[in-house]
Amino acid sequence: MQDTSGSLFIRLPRSKLLSKPRPPAMTGITNPDRKRVCDISADAKVVEIRKRDCVTRIKANPDGTLKIVHERTGPTTS
């Protein structure tokens, strides 16, 4: 959609505006069936696995341990 000044506007769904942004420079990793299985950061210290509305982030700490965080990004069902 364009306004009269020639600027380009893109409407995003509200869920996209409220969701947490992914870390920059994430590269998608696919399996042999060409299905995306995870994203990996440029420095290879963070892996993000997204399955429906759940995100798992695995971060490599400097001391060699891993920090695993699970979070739900979508609406919860009761």
PDB file of N, CA and C in Angstrom:
ATOM      1  N   MET A   1       0.851  -1.164   0.000  1.00  0.00           N
ATOM      2  CA  MET A   1       0.000   0.000   0.000  1.00  0.00           C
ATOM      3  C   MET A   1       0.904   1.237   0.000  1.00  0.00           C
ATOM      4  N   GLN A   2       0.577   2.222  -0.817  1.00  0.00           N
ATOM      5  CA  GLN A   2       1.372   3.439  -0.881  1.00  0.00           C
ATOM      6  C   GLN A   2       0.499   4.637  -0.548  1.00  0.00           C
ATOM      7  N   ASP A   3       1.109   5.606   0.117  1.00  0.00           N
ATOM      8  CA  ASP A   3       0.396   6.854   0.354  1.00  0.00           C
ATOM      9  C   ASP A   3       0.787   7.842  -0.735  1.00  0.00           C
ATOM     10  N   THR A   4       0.298   9.063  -0.646  1.00  0.00           N
ATOM     11  CA  THR A   4       0.535  10.058  -1.698  1.00  0.00           C
ATOM     12  C   THR A   4       1.970  10.549  -1.747  1.00  0.00           C
ATOM     13  N   SER A   5       2.748  10.377  -0.662  1.00  0.00           N
ATOM     14  CA  SER A   5       4.132  10.852  -0.668  1.00  0.00           C
ATOM     15  C   SER A   5       5.083   9.837  -1.300  1.00  0.00           C
ATOM     16  N   GLY A   6       4.558   8.665  -1.659  1.00  0.00           N
ATOM     17  CA  GLY A   6       5.397   7.657  -2.284  1.00  0.00           C
ATOM     18  C   GLY A   6       6.063   6.714  -1.294  1.00  0.00           C
ATOM     19  N   SER A   7       5.779   6.847   0.007  1.00  0.00           N
ATOM     20  CA  SER A   7       6.346   5.945   1.008  1.00  0.00           C
ATOM     21  C   SER A   7       5.628   4.603   0.951  1.00  0.00           C
ATOM     22  N   LEU A   8       6.344   3.550   1.271  1.00  0.00           N
ATOM     23  CA  LEU A   8       5.785   2.209   1.257  1.00  0.00           C
ATOM     24  C   LEU A   8       5.437   1.801   2.680  1.00  0.00           C
ATOM     25  N   PHE A   9       4.194   1.381   2.905  1.00  0.00           N
ATOM     26  CA  PHE A   9       3.749   0.921   4.210  1.00  0.00           C
ATOM     27  C   PHE A   9       3.377  -0.539   4.116  1.00  0.00           C
ATOM     28  N   ILE A  10       3.774  -1.309   5.105  1.00  0.00           N
ATOM     29  CA  ILE A  10       3.423  -2.720   5.159  1.00  0.00           C
ATOM     30  C   ILE A  10       2.679  -2.960   6.466  1.00  0.00           C
ATOM     31  N   ARG A  11       1.520  -3.553   6.385  1.00  0.00           N
ATOM     32  CA  ARG A  11       0.753  -3.868   7.594  1.00  0.00           C
ATOM     33  C   ARG A  11       1.181  -5.234   8.102  1.00  0.00           C
ATOM     34  N   LEU A  12       1.565  -5.298   9.373  1.00  0.00           N
ATOM     35  CA  LEU A  12       1.938  -6.549  10.003  1.00  0.00           C
ATOM     36  C   LEU A  12       0.838  -6.980  10.954  1.00  0.00           C
ATOM     37  N   PRO A  13       0.620  -8.295  11.068  1.00  0.00           N
ATOM     38  CA  PRO A  13      -0.349  -8.755  12.057  1.00  0.00           C
ATOM     39  C   PRO A  13       0.101  -8.356  13.457  1.00  0.00           C
ATOM     40  N   ARG A  14      -0.856  -8.141  14.354  1.00  0.00           N
ATOM     41  CA  ARG A  14      -0.545  -7.716  15.717  1.00  0.00           C
ATOM     42  C   ARG A  14       0.378  -8.708  16.411  1.00  0.00           C
ATOM     43  N   SER A  15       0.223 -10.000  16.120  1.00  0.00           N
ATOM     44  CA  SER A  15       1.078 -11.002  16.753  1.00  0.00           C
ATOM     45  C   SER A  15       2.548 -10.805  16.363  1.00  0.00           C
ATOM     46  N   LYS A  16       2.820 -10.352  15.149  1.00  0.00           N
ATOM     47  CA  LYS A  16       4.198 -10.101  14.719  1.00  0.00           C
ATOM     48  C   LYS A  16       4.784  -8.892  15.439  1.00  0.00           C
ATOM     49  N   LEU A  17       3.952  -7.903  15.742  1.00  0.00           N
ATOM     50  CA  LEU A  17       4.436  -6.700  16.409  1.00  0.00           C
ATOM     51  C   LEU A  17       4.750  -6.960  17.875  1.00  0.00           C
ATOM     52  N   LEU A  18       4.029  -7.883  18.508  1.00  0.00           N
ATOM     53  CA  LEU A  18       4.204  -8.134  19.930  1.00  0.00           C
ATOM     54  C   LEU A  18       5.181  -9.266  20.228  1.00  0.00           C
ATOM     55  N   SER A  19       5.537 -10.067  19.227  1.00  0.00           N
ATOM     56  CA  SER A  19       6.438 -11.186  19.487  1.00  0.00           C
ATOM     57  C   SER A  19       7.863 -10.690  19.692  1.00  0.00           C
ATOM     58  N   LYS A  20       8.635 -11.467  20.432  1.00  0.00           N
ATOM     59  CA  LYS A  20      10.028 -11.093  20.691  1.00  0.00           C
ATOM     60  C   LYS A  20      10.842 -11.290  19.420  1.00  0.00           C
ATOM     61  N   PRO A  21      11.706 -10.343  19.100  1.00  0.00           N
ATOM     62  CA  PRO A  21      12.514 -10.491  17.894  1.00  0.00           C
ATOM     63  C   PRO A  21      13.569 -11.571  18.065  1.00  0.00           C
ATOM     64  N   ARG A  22      13.894 -12.251  16.987  1.00  0.00           N
ATOM     65  CA  ARG A  22      14.961 -13.242  17.016  1.00  0.00           C
ATOM     66  C   ARG A  22      16.302 -12.539  17.027  1.00  0.00           C
ATOM     67  N   PRO A  23      17.305 -13.182  17.557  1.00  0.00           N
ATOM     68  CA  PRO A  23      18.640 -12.589  17.501  1.00  0.00           C
ATOM     69  C   PRO A  23      19.038 -12.346  16.045  1.00  0.00           C
ATOM     70  N   PRO A  24      19.813 -11.308  15.786  1.00  0.00           N
ATOM     71  CA  PRO A  24      20.194 -10.996  14.404  1.00  0.00           C
ATOM     72  C   PRO A  24      21.115 -12.057  13.816  1.00  0.00           C
ATOM     73  N   ALA A  25      21.145 -12.131  12.511  1.00  0.00           N
ATOM     74  CA  ALA A  25      22.045 -13.007  11.760  1.00  0.00           C
ATOM     75  C   ALA A  25      21.832 -14.478  12.080  1.00  0.00           C
ATOM     76  N   MET A  26      20.586 -14.918  12.106  1.00  0.00           N
ATOM     77  CA  MET A  26      20.279 -16.331  12.303  1.00  0.00           C
ATOM     78  C   MET A  26      20.167 -16.987  10.927  1.00  0.00           C
ATOM     79  N   THR A  27      20.748 -18.163  10.776  1.00  0.00           N
ATOM     80  CA  THR A  27      20.724 -18.904   9.525  1.00  0.00           C
ATOM     81  C   THR A  27      19.875 -20.148   9.703  1.00  0.00           C
ATOM     82  N   GLY A  28      18.960 -20.378   8.785  1.00  0.00           N
ATOM     83  CA  GLY A  28      18.106 -21.555   8.853  1.00  0.00           C
ATOM     84  C   GLY A  28      18.870 -22.815   8.477  1.00  0.00           C
ATOM     85  N   ILE A  29      18.668 -23.885   9.251  1.00  0.00           N
ATOM     86  CA  ILE A  29      19.288 -25.183   8.985  1.00  0.00           C
ATOM     87  C   ILE A  29      18.180 -26.138   8.560  1.00  0.00           C
ATOM     88  N   THR A  30      18.380 -26.828   7.441  1.00  0.00           N
ATOM     89  CA  THR A  30      17.381 -27.755   6.936  1.00  0.00           C
ATOM     90  C   THR A  30      17.907 -29.184   6.967  1.00  0.00           C
ATOM     91  N   ASN A  31      16.973 -30.140   7.007  1.00  0.00           N
ATOM     92  CA  ASN A  31      17.344 -31.548   6.965  1.00  0.00           C
ATOM     93  C   ASN A  31      17.373 -32.017   5.511  1.00  0.00           C
ATOM     94  N   PRO A  32      17.707 -33.282   5.240  1.00  0.00           N
ATOM     95  CA  PRO A  32      17.764 -33.755   3.849  1.00  0.00           C
ATOM     96  C   PRO A  32      16.434 -33.657   3.101  1.00  0.00           C
ATOM     97  N   ASP A  33      15.316 -33.599   3.819  1.00  0.00           N
ATOM     98  CA  ASP A  33      14.015 -33.451   3.170  1.00  0.00           C
ATOM     99  C   ASP A  33      13.670 -31.984   2.913  1.00  0.00           C
ATOM    100  N   ARG A  34      14.625 -31.100   3.120  1.00  0.00           N
ATOM    101  CA  ARG A  34      14.488 -29.655   2.934  1.00  0.00           C
ATOM    102  C   ARG A  34      13.447 -29.044   3.870  1.00  0.00           C
ATOM    103  N   LYS A  35      13.319 -29.602   5.054  1.00  0.00           N
ATOM    104  CA  LYS A  35      12.463 -29.042   6.093  1.00  0.00           C
ATOM    105  C   LYS A  35      13.347 -28.266   7.057  1.00  0.00           C
ATOM    106  N   ARG A  36      12.924 -27.079   7.412  1.00  0.00           N
ATOM    107  CA  ARG A  36      13.696 -26.254   8.346  1.00  0.00           C
ATOM    108  C   ARG A  36      13.577 -26.837   9.742  1.00  0.00           C
ATOM    109  N   VAL A  37      14.698 -27.145  10.367  1.00  0.00           N
ATOM    110  CA  VAL A  37      14.671 -27.771  11.686  1.00  0.00           C
ATOM    111  C   VAL A  37      15.112 -26.828  12.794  1.00  0.00           C
ATOM    112  N   CYS A  38      15.968 -25.857  12.488  1.00  0.00           N
ATOM    113  CA  CYS A  38      16.409 -24.906  13.508  1.00  0.00           C
ATOM    114  C   CYS A  38      17.085 -23.718  12.842  1.00  0.00           C
ATOM    115  N   ASP A  39      17.411 -22.724  13.667  1.00  0.00           N
ATOM    116  CA  ASP A  39      18.186 -21.560  13.240  1.00  0.00           C
ATOM    117  C   ASP A  39      19.430 -21.511  14.105  1.00  0.00           C
ATOM    118  N   ILE A  40      20.539 -21.116  13.511  1.00  0.00           N
ATOM    119  CA  ILE A  40      21.801 -21.025  14.251  1.00  0.00           C
ATOM    120  C   ILE A  40      22.382 -19.631  14.051  1.00  0.00           C
ATOM    121  N   SER A  41      22.942 -19.064  15.114  1.00  0.00           N
ATOM    122  CA  SER A  41      23.495 -17.712  15.039  1.00  0.00           C
ATOM    123  C   SER A  41      24.802 -17.712  14.242  1.00  0.00           C
ATOM    124  N   ALA A  42      25.213 -16.536  13.797  1.00  0.00           N
ATOM    125  CA  ALA A  42      26.426 -16.404  12.990  1.00  0.00           C
ATOM    126  C   ALA A  42      27.662 -16.854  13.759  1.00  0.00           C
ATOM    127  N   ASP A  43      27.682 -16.634  15.080  1.00  0.00           N
ATOM    128  CA  ASP A  43      28.837 -17.055  15.876  1.00  0.00           C
ATOM    129  C   ASP A  43      28.699 -18.494  16.373  1.00  0.00           C
ATOM    130  N   ALA A  44      27.622 -19.184  15.990  1.00  0.00           N
ATOM    131  CA  ALA A  44      27.362 -20.589  16.326  1.00  0.00           C
ATOM    132  C   ALA A  44      27.264 -20.828  17.831  1.00  0.00           C
ATOM    133  N   LYS A  45      26.831 -19.824  18.573  1.00  0.00           N
ATOM    134  CA  LYS A  45      26.674 -19.986  20.019  1.00  0.00           C
ATOM    135  C   LYS A  45      25.222 -20.139  20.437  1.00  0.00           C
ATOM    136  N   VAL A  46      24.280 -19.827  19.538  1.00  0.00           N
ATOM    137  CA  VAL A  46      22.866 -19.931  19.865  1.00  0.00           C
ATOM    138  C   VAL A  46      22.157 -20.730  18.775  1.00  0.00           C
ATOM    139  N   VAL A  47      21.380 -21.735  19.214  1.00  0.00           N
ATOM    140  CA  VAL A  47      20.531 -22.506  18.309  1.00  0.00           C
ATOM    141  C   VAL A  47      19.094 -22.292  18.768  1.00  0.00           C
ATOM    142  N   GLU A  48      18.203 -22.025  17.817  1.00  0.00           N
ATOM    143  CA  GLU A  48      16.803 -21.794  18.136  1.00  0.00           C
ATOM    144  C   GLU A  48      15.966 -22.824  17.389  1.00  0.00           C
ATOM    145  N   ILE A  49      15.151 -23.561  18.141  1.00  0.00           N
ATOM    146  CA  ILE A  49      14.256 -24.563  17.564  1.00  0.00           C
ATOM    147  C   ILE A  49      12.833 -24.071  17.811  1.00  0.00           C
ATOM    148  N   ARG A  50      12.069 -23.938  16.746  1.00  0.00           N
ATOM    149  CA  ARG A  50      10.701 -23.429  16.851  1.00  0.00           C
ATOM    150  C   ARG A  50       9.744 -24.517  16.391  1.00  0.00           C
ATOM    151  N   LYS A  51       8.798 -24.869  17.239  1.00  0.00           N
ATOM    152  CA  LYS A  51       7.780 -25.869  16.920  1.00  0.00           C
ATOM    153  C   LYS A  51       6.434 -25.291  17.317  1.00  0.00           C
ATOM    154  N   ARG A  52       5.616 -24.952  16.342  1.00  0.00           N
ATOM    155  CA  ARG A  52       4.325 -24.274  16.535  1.00  0.00           C
ATOM    156  C   ARG A  52       4.521 -23.005  17.351  1.00  0.00           C
ATOM    157  N   ASP A  53       3.958 -22.935  18.558  1.00  0.00           N
ATOM    158  CA  ASP A  53       4.088 -21.712  19.346  1.00  0.00           C
ATOM    159  C   ASP A  53       5.103 -21.854  20.478  1.00  0.00           C
ATOM    160  N   CYS A  54       5.980 -22.856  20.393  1.00  0.00           N
ATOM    161  CA  CYS A  54       7.023 -23.051  21.404  1.00  0.00           C
ATOM    162  C   CYS A  54       8.404 -22.829  20.782  1.00  0.00           C
ATOM    163  N   VAL A  55       9.246 -22.121  21.515  1.00  0.00           N
ATOM    164  CA  VAL A  55      10.612 -21.861  21.056  1.00  0.00           C
ATOM    165  C   VAL A  55      11.579 -22.387  22.105  1.00  0.00           C
ATOM    166  N   THR A  56      12.581 -23.128  21.652  1.00  0.00           N
ATOM    167  CA  THR A  56      13.649 -23.597  22.530  1.00  0.00           C
ATOM    168  C   THR A  56      14.942 -22.958  22.048  1.00  0.00           C
ATOM    169  N   ARG A  57      15.624 -22.263  22.952  1.00  0.00           N
ATOM    170  CA  ARG A  57      16.921 -21.656  22.627  1.00  0.00           C
ATOM    171  C   ARG A  57      17.993 -22.365  23.429  1.00  0.00           C
ATOM    172  N   ILE A  58      19.029 -22.794  22.731  1.00  0.00           N
ATOM    173  CA  ILE A  58      20.165 -23.447  23.361  1.00  0.00           C
ATOM    174  C   ILE A  58      21.368 -22.543  23.148  1.00  0.00           C
ATOM    175  N   LYS A  59      21.961 -22.093  24.255  1.00  0.00           N
ATOM    176  CA  LYS A  59      23.075 -21.148  24.185  1.00  0.00           C
ATOM    177  C   LYS A  59      24.311 -21.778  24.804  1.00  0.00           C
ATOM    178  N   ALA A  60      25.436 -21.682  24.109  1.00  0.00           N
ATOM    179  CA  ALA A  60      26.715 -22.170  24.620  1.00  0.00           C
ATOM    180  C   ALA A  60      27.352 -21.077  25.465  1.00  0.00           C
ATOM    181  N   ASN A  61      27.585 -21.373  26.726  1.00  0.00           N
ATOM    182  CA  ASN A  61      28.229 -20.427  27.635  1.00  0.00           C
ATOM    183  C   ASN A  61      29.748 -20.511  27.495  1.00  0.00           C
ATOM    184  N   PRO A  62      30.473 -19.455  27.868  1.00  0.00           N
ATOM    185  CA  PRO A  62      31.937 -19.453  27.751  1.00  0.00           C
ATOM    186  C   PRO A  62      32.622 -20.568  28.563  1.00  0.00           C
ATOM    187  N   ASP A  63      31.966 -21.016  29.650  1.00  0.00           N
ATOM    188  CA  ASP A  63      32.581 -22.063  30.475  1.00  0.00           C
ATOM    189  C   ASP A  63      32.320 -23.472  29.942  1.00  0.00           C
ATOM    190  N   GLY A  64      31.664 -23.598  28.787  1.00  0.00           N
ATOM    191  CA  GLY A  64      31.437 -24.897  28.173  1.00  0.00           C
ATOM    192  C   GLY A  64      30.086 -25.520  28.499  1.00  0.00           C
ATOM    193  N   THR A  65      29.309 -24.880  29.351  1.00  0.00           N
ATOM    194  CA  THR A  65      27.992 -25.406  29.678  1.00  0.00           C
ATOM    195  C   THR A  65      26.959 -24.875  28.686  1.00  0.00           C
ATOM    196  N   LEU A  66      25.781 -25.472  28.707  1.00  0.00           N
ATOM    197  CA  LEU A  66      24.696 -25.044  27.835  1.00  0.00           C
ATOM    198  C   LEU A  66      23.563 -24.469  28.669  1.00  0.00           C
ATOM    199  N   LYS A  67      22.953 -23.410  28.176  1.00  0.00           N
ATOM    200  CA  LYS A  67      21.764 -22.837  28.807  1.00  0.00           C
ATOM    201  C   LYS A  67      20.602 -23.113  27.865  1.00  0.00           C
ATOM    202  N   ILE A  68      19.605 -23.834  28.354  1.00  0.00           N
ATOM    203  CA  ILE A  68      18.452 -24.199  27.541  1.00  0.00           C
ATOM    204  C   ILE A  68      17.232 -23.475  28.097  1.00  0.00           C
ATOM    205  N   VAL A  69      16.565 -22.712  27.238  1.00  0.00           N
ATOM    206  CA  VAL A  69      15.395 -21.932  27.637  1.00  0.00           C
ATOM    207  C   VAL A  69      14.234 -22.313  26.726  1.00  0.00           C
ATOM    208  N   HIS A  70      13.096 -22.666  27.351  1.00  0.00           N
ATOM    209  CA  HIS A  70      11.871 -22.964  26.608  1.00  0.00           C
ATOM    210  C   HIS A  70      10.894 -21.828  26.863  1.00  0.00           C
ATOM    211  N   GLU A  71      10.225 -21.363  25.821  1.00  0.00           N
ATOM    212  CA  GLU A  71       9.203 -20.336  26.014  1.00  0.00           C
ATOM    213  C   GLU A  71       8.077 -20.536  25.008  1.00  0.00           C
ATOM    214  N   ARG A  72       6.907 -20.138  25.415  1.00  0.00           N
ATOM    215  CA  ARG A  72       5.732 -20.213  24.548  1.00  0.00           C
ATOM    216  C   ARG A  72       5.505 -18.821  23.971  1.00  0.00           C
ATOM    217  N   THR A  73       5.386 -18.725  22.656  1.00  0.00           N
ATOM    218  CA  THR A  73       5.264 -17.428  22.002  1.00  0.00           C
ATOM    219  C   THR A  73       3.830 -17.078  21.653  1.00  0.00           C
ATOM    220  N   GLY A  74       2.984 -18.079  21.528  1.00  0.00           N
ATOM    221  CA  GLY A  74       1.602 -17.831  21.113  1.00  0.00           C
ATOM    222  C   GLY A  74       0.653 -17.815  22.301  1.00  0.00           C
ATOM    223  N   PRO A  75      -0.627 -17.715  21.991  1.00  0.00           N
ATOM    224  CA  PRO A  75      -1.624 -17.727  23.063  1.00  0.00           C
ATOM    225  C   PRO A  75      -1.693 -19.096  23.723  1.00  0.00           C
ATOM    226  N   THR A  76      -1.907 -19.112  25.016  1.00  0.00           N
ATOM    227  CA  THR A  76      -2.023 -20.377  25.733  1.00  0.00           C
ATOM    228  C   THR A  76      -3.457 -20.866  25.631  1.00  0.00           C
ATOM    229  N   THR A  77      -3.621 -22.168  25.560  1.00  0.00           N
ATOM    230  CA  THR A  77      -4.953 -22.745  25.511  1.00  0.00           C
ATOM    231  C   THR A  77      -5.300 -23.293  26.882  1.00  0.00           C
ATOM    232  N   SER A  78      -6.511 -23.055  27.321  1.00  0.00           N
ATOM    233  CA  SER A  78      -6.924 -23.509  28.655  1.00  0.00           C
ATOM    234  C   SER A  78      -7.810 -24.720  28.549  1.00  0.00           C
TER     235      SER A  78
END
